[in-house]
Structures are given as structure tokens and as C-alpha cells.
Protein backbone atom coordinates (compact mmCIF):
# COMPACT_ATOMS: atom_id res chain seq x y z
CA MET A 1 48.17 73.47 -76.37
CA PRO A 2 45.38 75.93 -77.19
CA LEU A 3 42.20 74.51 -78.50
CA ARG A 4 41.25 75.39 -82.02
CA ARG A 5 37.86 77.05 -82.15
CA THR A 6 35.61 75.71 -84.86
CA PRO A 7 33.65 78.42 -86.58
CA PRO A 8 29.86 77.99 -86.44
CA ARG A 9 28.21 76.53 -89.40
CA GLU A 10 26.09 78.76 -91.44
CA PRO A 11 22.56 77.67 -92.22
CA VAL A 12 22.00 76.13 -95.55
CA ALA A 13 19.81 78.21 -97.75
CA ALA A 14 17.21 76.91 -100.12
CA SER A 15 19.29 77.86 -103.02
CA ASP A 16 22.04 75.86 -101.56
CA CYS A 17 19.67 72.87 -101.33
CA ASP A 18 18.82 73.32 -104.91
CA SER A 19 22.42 73.46 -105.77
CA LEU A 20 22.91 70.23 -103.90
CA GLY A 21 20.05 68.63 -105.80
CA LEU A 22 17.87 68.07 -102.71
CA SER A 23 14.98 70.28 -103.49
CA ASP A 24 13.21 67.82 -105.82
CA THR A 25 13.46 64.89 -103.41
CA ASN A 26 10.26 64.12 -101.38
CA ASP A 27 9.99 62.91 -97.83
CA ALA A 28 9.17 59.37 -98.81
CA GLU A 29 12.32 59.03 -100.75
CA LEU A 30 14.27 60.47 -97.88
CA THR A 31 12.64 58.05 -95.51
CA ALA A 32 13.37 55.18 -97.86
CA LYS A 33 16.97 56.23 -98.04
CA VAL A 34 17.33 56.28 -94.19
CA PRO A 35 18.39 52.82 -92.95
CA HIS A 36 15.95 51.07 -90.43
CA ARG A 37 16.81 48.38 -87.66
CA GLN A 38 15.38 45.10 -88.74
CA LYS A 39 13.57 42.90 -86.04
CA ARG A 40 15.06 39.47 -85.41
CA LYS A 41 12.70 36.74 -86.38
CA ARG A 42 12.34 33.72 -84.10
CA THR A 43 13.71 30.60 -85.48
CA ASN A 44 11.84 27.28 -85.47
CA THR A 45 14.40 25.79 -83.08
CA THR A 46 13.64 28.33 -80.34
CA ASP A 47 9.89 27.82 -80.64
CA SER A 48 10.33 24.08 -80.40
CA GLN A 49 12.46 24.34 -77.26
CA LEU A 50 9.95 26.67 -75.69
CA ASN A 51 7.11 24.33 -76.47
CA ASN A 52 9.05 21.37 -75.08
CA PHE A 53 9.82 23.33 -71.92
CA MET A 54 6.17 24.23 -71.48
CA VAL A 55 5.12 20.64 -72.04
CA GLU A 56 7.71 19.43 -69.57
CA MET A 57 6.63 21.97 -66.96
CA LYS A 58 2.99 21.02 -67.41
CA SER A 59 3.98 17.39 -66.99
CA LEU A 60 5.93 18.17 -63.81
CA PHE A 61 3.08 20.22 -62.38
CA THR A 62 0.63 17.44 -63.25
CA GLU A 63 2.87 14.82 -61.64
CA PHE A 64 3.37 17.03 -58.57
CA LYS A 65 -0.37 17.55 -58.32
CA VAL A 66 -0.99 13.80 -58.54
CA GLN A 67 1.62 13.14 -55.87
CA GLN A 68 0.16 15.78 -53.57
CA GLU A 69 -3.34 14.45 -54.09
CA ASP A 70 -2.10 10.94 -53.34
CA LYS A 71 -0.39 12.15 -50.16
CA LEU A 72 -3.47 14.10 -49.18
CA ASN A 73 -5.63 11.04 -49.69
CA LYS A 74 -3.28 8.99 -47.55
CA ILE A 75 -3.32 11.65 -44.86
CA CYS A 76 -7.10 11.77 -44.97
CA THR A 77 -7.20 7.98 -44.68
CA VAL A 78 -4.87 8.04 -41.68
CA VAL A 79 -6.89 10.83 -40.08
CA GLU A 80 -10.07 8.82 -40.51
CA GLU A 81 -8.39 5.77 -38.99
CA VAL A 82 -7.19 7.89 -36.06
CA LYS A 83 -10.72 9.22 -35.61
CA VAL A 84 -12.06 5.67 -35.54
CA GLN A 85 -9.37 4.62 -33.08
CA ASN A 86 -10.07 7.65 -30.89
CA SER A 87 -13.73 6.81 -30.93
CA GLU A 88 -12.96 3.23 -29.92
CA ILE A 89 -10.57 4.44 -27.22
CA ARG A 90 -13.20 6.85 -25.93
CA SER A 91 -15.72 4.04 -25.83
CA SER A 92 -13.23 1.81 -24.02
CA ILE A 93 -12.44 4.54 -21.51
CA GLU A 94 -16.12 5.14 -20.86
CA PHE A 95 -16.63 1.40 -20.39
CA LEU A 96 -13.62 1.16 -18.05
CA SER A 97 -14.82 4.20 -16.15
CA LYS A 98 -18.20 2.59 -15.61
CA GLN A 99 -16.52 -0.66 -14.61
CA TYR A 100 -14.25 1.22 -12.21
CA ASP A 101 -17.22 2.95 -10.62
CA PHE A 102 -18.99 -0.38 -10.32
CA ILE A 103 -15.96 -2.10 -8.81
CA LEU A 104 -15.32 0.83 -6.47
CA ASN A 105 -18.90 0.61 -5.30
CA GLN A 106 -18.52 -3.13 -4.78
CA VAL A 107 -15.29 -2.58 -2.85
CA ASN A 108 -17.01 -0.06 -0.61
CA VAL A 109 -19.85 -2.51 -0.05
CA LEU A 110 -17.34 -5.27 0.77
CA LYS A 111 -15.45 -2.95 3.11
CA GLU A 112 -18.65 -2.21 4.93
CA GLN A 113 -19.46 -5.91 5.10
CA VAL A 114 -15.96 -6.70 6.37
CA HIS A 115 -16.25 -3.94 8.96
CA ASN A 116 -19.58 -5.32 10.13
CA SER A 117 -18.19 -8.86 10.09
CA ASN A 118 -15.19 -7.78 12.15
CA LYS A 119 -17.53 -6.20 14.65
CA LYS A 120 -19.53 -9.42 14.85
CA VAL A 121 -16.36 -11.50 15.17
CA GLU A 122 -15.06 -9.20 17.89
CA LEU A 123 -18.40 -9.44 19.67
CA LEU A 124 -18.37 -13.24 19.40
CA GLU A 125 -14.75 -13.36 20.58
CA ASN A 126 -15.62 -11.24 23.59
CA LYS A 127 -18.59 -13.48 24.37
CA LEU A 128 -16.42 -16.57 23.98
CA GLU A 129 -13.73 -15.02 26.17
CA LYS A 130 -16.30 -14.23 28.87
CA TYR A 131 -17.67 -17.76 28.65
CA GLU A 132 -14.19 -19.27 28.96
CA ARG A 133 -13.36 -17.02 31.90
CA SER A 134 -16.59 -18.01 33.57
CA SER A 135 -15.96 -21.71 32.97
CA ARG A 136 -12.43 -21.36 34.43
CA SER A 137 -13.43 -19.17 37.36
CA THR A 138 -13.10 -22.10 39.79
CA CYS A 139 -9.98 -23.64 38.22
CA LEU A 140 -6.36 -23.56 39.36
CA GLU A 141 -3.15 -24.57 37.60
CA ILE A 142 -0.45 -26.52 39.40
CA ARG A 143 2.85 -26.64 37.54
CA ASN A 144 6.19 -28.41 37.87
CA ILE A 145 4.99 -31.62 39.51
CA PRO A 146 6.55 -34.62 37.69
CA VAL A 147 4.26 -37.15 36.03
CA LYS A 148 4.09 -40.50 37.87
CA LYS A 149 3.83 -43.84 36.19
CA SER A 150 0.28 -45.18 36.00
CA GLU A 151 -1.02 -41.83 37.21
CA THR A 152 -4.80 -41.57 37.84
CA LYS A 153 -7.22 -38.90 38.99
CA VAL A 154 -7.12 -40.44 42.47
CA SER A 155 -3.33 -40.13 42.63
CA LEU A 156 -3.60 -36.51 41.45
CA LEU A 157 -6.26 -35.89 44.10
CA ASN A 158 -3.98 -37.27 46.79
CA THR A 159 -1.16 -35.00 45.57
CA VAL A 160 -3.43 -31.95 45.91
CA ILE A 161 -4.48 -33.02 49.42
CA GLU A 162 -0.79 -33.34 50.35
CA ILE A 163 -0.16 -29.82 49.04
CA GLY A 164 -3.06 -28.57 51.19
CA ASP A 165 -1.49 -30.21 54.25
CA VAL A 166 1.81 -28.40 53.56
CA LEU A 167 -0.10 -25.12 53.20
CA SER A 168 -2.03 -25.83 56.43
CA LEU A 169 -5.24 -26.01 54.43
CA THR A 170 -7.63 -28.92 54.73
CA ILE A 171 -8.88 -30.06 51.34
CA GLN A 172 -11.87 -32.38 51.23
CA PRO A 173 -12.15 -34.67 48.19
CA LEU A 174 -15.70 -33.49 47.65
CA GLU A 175 -14.45 -29.91 47.24
CA ILE A 176 -12.64 -30.90 44.03
CA LYS A 177 -14.97 -31.21 41.08
CA ASP A 178 -12.37 -32.48 38.60
CA ILE A 179 -8.61 -32.83 38.22
CA PHE A 180 -6.52 -33.70 35.16
CA ARG A 181 -3.33 -32.87 33.30
CA VAL A 182 -2.99 -30.92 30.03
CA ASN A 183 -0.27 -31.21 27.42
CA THR A 184 2.71 -28.87 27.67
CA LYS A 185 6.09 -28.53 26.00
CA ASN A 186 7.63 -30.75 28.65
CA PRO A 187 5.72 -34.08 28.73
CA GLU A 188 7.33 -35.01 32.03
CA ASN A 189 5.86 -31.99 33.82
CA LYS A 190 2.38 -31.60 32.37
CA THR A 191 0.30 -28.93 34.05
CA ILE A 192 -2.35 -30.11 36.51
CA ILE A 193 -5.76 -28.44 36.19
CA MET A 194 -7.84 -28.58 39.35
CA GLU A 195 -11.50 -27.54 39.17
CA LEU A 196 -13.05 -26.74 42.52
CA ASN A 197 -16.72 -26.58 43.43
CA ASN A 198 -16.80 -22.82 43.97
CA VAL A 199 -14.74 -19.67 43.68
CA ILE A 200 -14.45 -19.28 47.46
CA THR A 201 -12.58 -22.58 47.82
CA LYS A 202 -10.35 -21.63 44.89
CA GLU A 203 -9.48 -18.28 46.48
CA LYS A 204 -8.76 -19.96 49.84
CA PHE A 205 -6.34 -22.40 48.19
CA LEU A 206 -4.61 -19.66 46.20
CA ASN A 207 -4.28 -17.29 49.16
CA ALA A 208 -2.84 -20.08 51.29
CA PHE A 209 -0.19 -20.74 48.64
CA LYS A 210 0.74 -17.03 48.43
CA SER A 211 0.91 -16.68 52.23
CA TYR A 212 3.12 -19.78 52.51
CA ASN A 213 5.61 -18.46 49.97
CA LYS A 214 5.82 -15.12 51.80
CA SER A 215 6.38 -16.59 55.26
CA ASN A 216 8.44 -19.69 54.42
CA ASN A 217 10.67 -21.05 51.72
CA ARG A 218 8.94 -21.47 48.42
CA LEU A 219 6.76 -24.53 47.99
CA CYS A 220 8.74 -27.25 46.18
CA THR A 221 8.55 -30.94 45.27
CA GLY A 222 10.85 -31.90 48.13
CA GLN A 223 8.16 -30.93 50.66
CA LEU A 224 5.84 -33.43 48.95
CA LYS A 225 8.51 -36.14 49.25
CA ILE A 226 8.74 -36.47 45.47
CA SER A 227 11.94 -38.20 44.40
CA GLY A 228 14.54 -36.25 42.51
CA PRO A 229 16.03 -32.80 42.93
CA PRO A 230 13.57 -30.33 44.47
CA LYS A 231 11.71 -28.11 42.03
CA PRO A 232 9.57 -25.07 42.83
CA ILE A 233 5.83 -25.61 42.53
CA PHE A 234 3.70 -22.87 40.95
CA ILE A 235 -0.04 -22.45 41.61
CA SER A 236 -2.09 -19.84 39.74
CA GLU A 237 -5.45 -19.17 38.21
CA ASN A 238 -6.31 -21.07 35.06
CA LEU A 239 -6.41 -18.17 32.57
CA THR A 240 -7.68 -18.22 29.01
CA THR A 241 -5.20 -18.10 26.14
CA THR A 242 -5.89 -14.39 25.61
CA MET A 243 -5.44 -13.56 29.27
CA LYS A 244 -2.28 -15.66 29.54
CA ARG A 245 -0.69 -13.62 26.78
CA LEU A 246 -1.87 -10.36 28.36
CA PHE A 247 -0.55 -11.50 31.76
CA TYR A 248 2.82 -12.26 30.16
CA LEU A 249 2.96 -8.78 28.57
CA ALA A 250 1.97 -7.23 31.89
CA ARG A 251 4.82 -9.04 33.70
CA VAL A 252 7.29 -7.89 31.03
CA PHE A 253 6.03 -4.32 31.38
CA ALA A 254 6.22 -4.47 35.18
CA SER A 255 9.79 -5.79 35.05
CA SER A 256 10.89 -3.12 32.54
CA ASN A 257 9.28 -0.20 34.41
CA ASN A 258 10.10 -1.16 38.03
CA TYR A 259 6.59 -2.26 39.01
CA ASN A 260 6.90 -4.46 42.07
CA TYR A 261 3.51 -6.16 41.85
CA CYS A 262 1.75 -7.98 39.01
CA TRP A 263 -0.93 -10.57 39.78
CA THR A 264 -4.31 -11.99 38.79
CA THR A 265 -7.53 -12.17 40.78
CA ASN A 266 -10.73 -13.77 39.51
CA GLY A 267 -9.34 -13.76 35.98
CA LYS A 268 -8.37 -10.08 36.16
CA ILE A 269 -4.85 -8.71 35.81
CA PHE A 270 -3.53 -5.99 38.11
CA ILE A 271 -0.21 -4.20 38.50
CA ARG A 272 1.09 -1.78 41.10
CA LYS A 273 4.41 0.02 41.28
CA LYS A 274 4.83 0.10 45.06
CA GLU A 275 2.80 -0.14 48.23
CA GLY A 276 0.48 2.84 48.45
CA TYR A 277 0.69 3.51 44.71
CA PRO A 278 -2.43 3.39 42.45
CA LEU A 279 -3.72 0.00 41.35
CA HIS A 280 -4.01 -0.53 37.56
CA TRP A 281 -6.46 -3.00 36.07
CA ILE A 282 -5.04 -4.28 32.77
CA LYS A 283 -7.93 -5.16 30.49
CA SER A 284 -6.06 -5.06 27.17
CA GLU A 285 -2.73 -4.20 25.58
CA TYR A 286 -4.02 -0.66 25.13
CA ASP A 287 -3.91 -0.19 28.93
CA LEU A 288 -0.23 -1.13 28.91
CA GLN A 289 0.41 1.31 26.07
CA LYS A 290 -1.20 4.14 28.05
CA LEU A 291 0.91 3.32 31.09
CA ASN A 292 4.01 3.17 28.92
CA LYS A 293 3.31 6.69 27.64
CA GLN A 294 2.90 7.90 31.20
CA GLU A 295 6.26 6.38 32.09
CA ASP A 296 7.90 8.20 29.15
């Protein structure tokens, strides 16, 4: 449908204004006749709510501030307590450190003293061992001879003289300085200790015993006409406790490593693997350890 064109309005002339009765009207009256938008006035209720809200917010902020200050004070108090505790701990650690240094120094001093004491003890033990070896240098042990009733030194002396006769060795009573028995595990066969006047006589007696066992049957109680089943008689040097243990270890080593010879002479221990092989003087367990390493 075609649009209807509206003809343009013609401007209103002054005469037309007069005809409309507008020419005598001033601007103020026109302004007064134009309607204006009135501003809304706040009511008392809105102001009161706003004031209450502000008061409430101030109260909340004040309360929050008080709470935060209280928490901050508590934190500060705790921090101060921690500082005090740290200071005390630091003091304690410093004290303990000083005590530790003192104790460590004392321990080092005691270690040094113990080391020196051990050296002195070892020196005294060596001196005592030498003294015991020297005091036993003329002594022999005779084992496996039964104890007789009412046995005396004279009866023991006669037994030794009889052993000498079997070994084709003349023993004079004056050559024997002392003779006695010592306690052993078997009270019926206490070991006889015979102290001779000199080392030469001791060596003669011991060599005669060894030669007899090599050339004849072993020396036994039957050859001395002692009643009961015959028992082998053993004669050896009277070693110290230390040397007895070392001699035992040497015999065990010799047996385990096929050493044919292990013996003592003048309180010294020797081992040899075979005839013509080197002779080893066993002074301590360390010598056996060295030989054991060589065997390995």
C-alpha cells in the first residue's frame, strides 16, 4: 500500500501568533505553563534505616578491630614466650656443648691413661712371664702316675729314680731340688712337678725320655711295676699358663696343617713341617696367624 506523503508544515507567521493569542504572553508565563519533573524527597524511614545500617557497620568494624587487636596481642605474647624459650634453649645448648667438650676431653684423657695403663700392665705381665719361665727353667712335669696311699716326697723321689733306671739314666737324690704334686682335674692322677738343680740335668732327663720313646715302646706305668692296667707316662717341661695355652694352639695348628714336629725346649715352642724344612719359633699367637696366612 503506498505511503501517504504528509505535506510540510508552513512556518507560523507573527500574525498567526497574534491570531492565536500568543503574542502577549511572556517567557516566564510560558515557562510556568511547561510542566517540570519533581524530585523525590527522602522519607524519614529511609534515613533511619541508613543511620541504623551505618551504626551497625561501625559497631561491626569496632568489634572486628577489637578482635583483631586481641588476636594480635595473643600472637605477640606467644612470640615473646617463644623468644624466651628459644633463648633458654640456646643457653641450654651452649651449656651442653661446653659439657660435651669437657666430657670429650675427659674421655680422651682417660683413653690415654688406659692406653698407658695397658702398656704398663703388658710390661708387668711380660716381666712376670719371664720370671715364671726362669723359675720353671729347671722343672719337669710327670703325668699319668697314679697317686699312692700315704704318698710322701721320698716315695715320689723313689718313683723318679725308678723312671731314670728304665730310661738308663742314673738320678742321684741330690740332683732333685724338690718334688711334689699339683691339683688337676683327675685327683687320682695329679701331675708330679720335679725341680732339678740345674737346666743341664733337666735336659738330660728329658732327652733320655724322648730317646726311649723313639727306640722302644712308650714309657708306661707297667714298666714301673705299678698295679693296674698300664698307662702311658708323659714327661715334659713345666710351662707357664700362658705358654701351655700357646703350646696347645701350636699343636692344633701343626695337626691341622700337616706339621710333623711340635715341641718345647727351654720354655720355647718350635714347630717344623718335615725334616729339612725351616724351623719356626712360636712366640705368640700372632706367629701362628702369620704361618696360617702362608699356608692359605
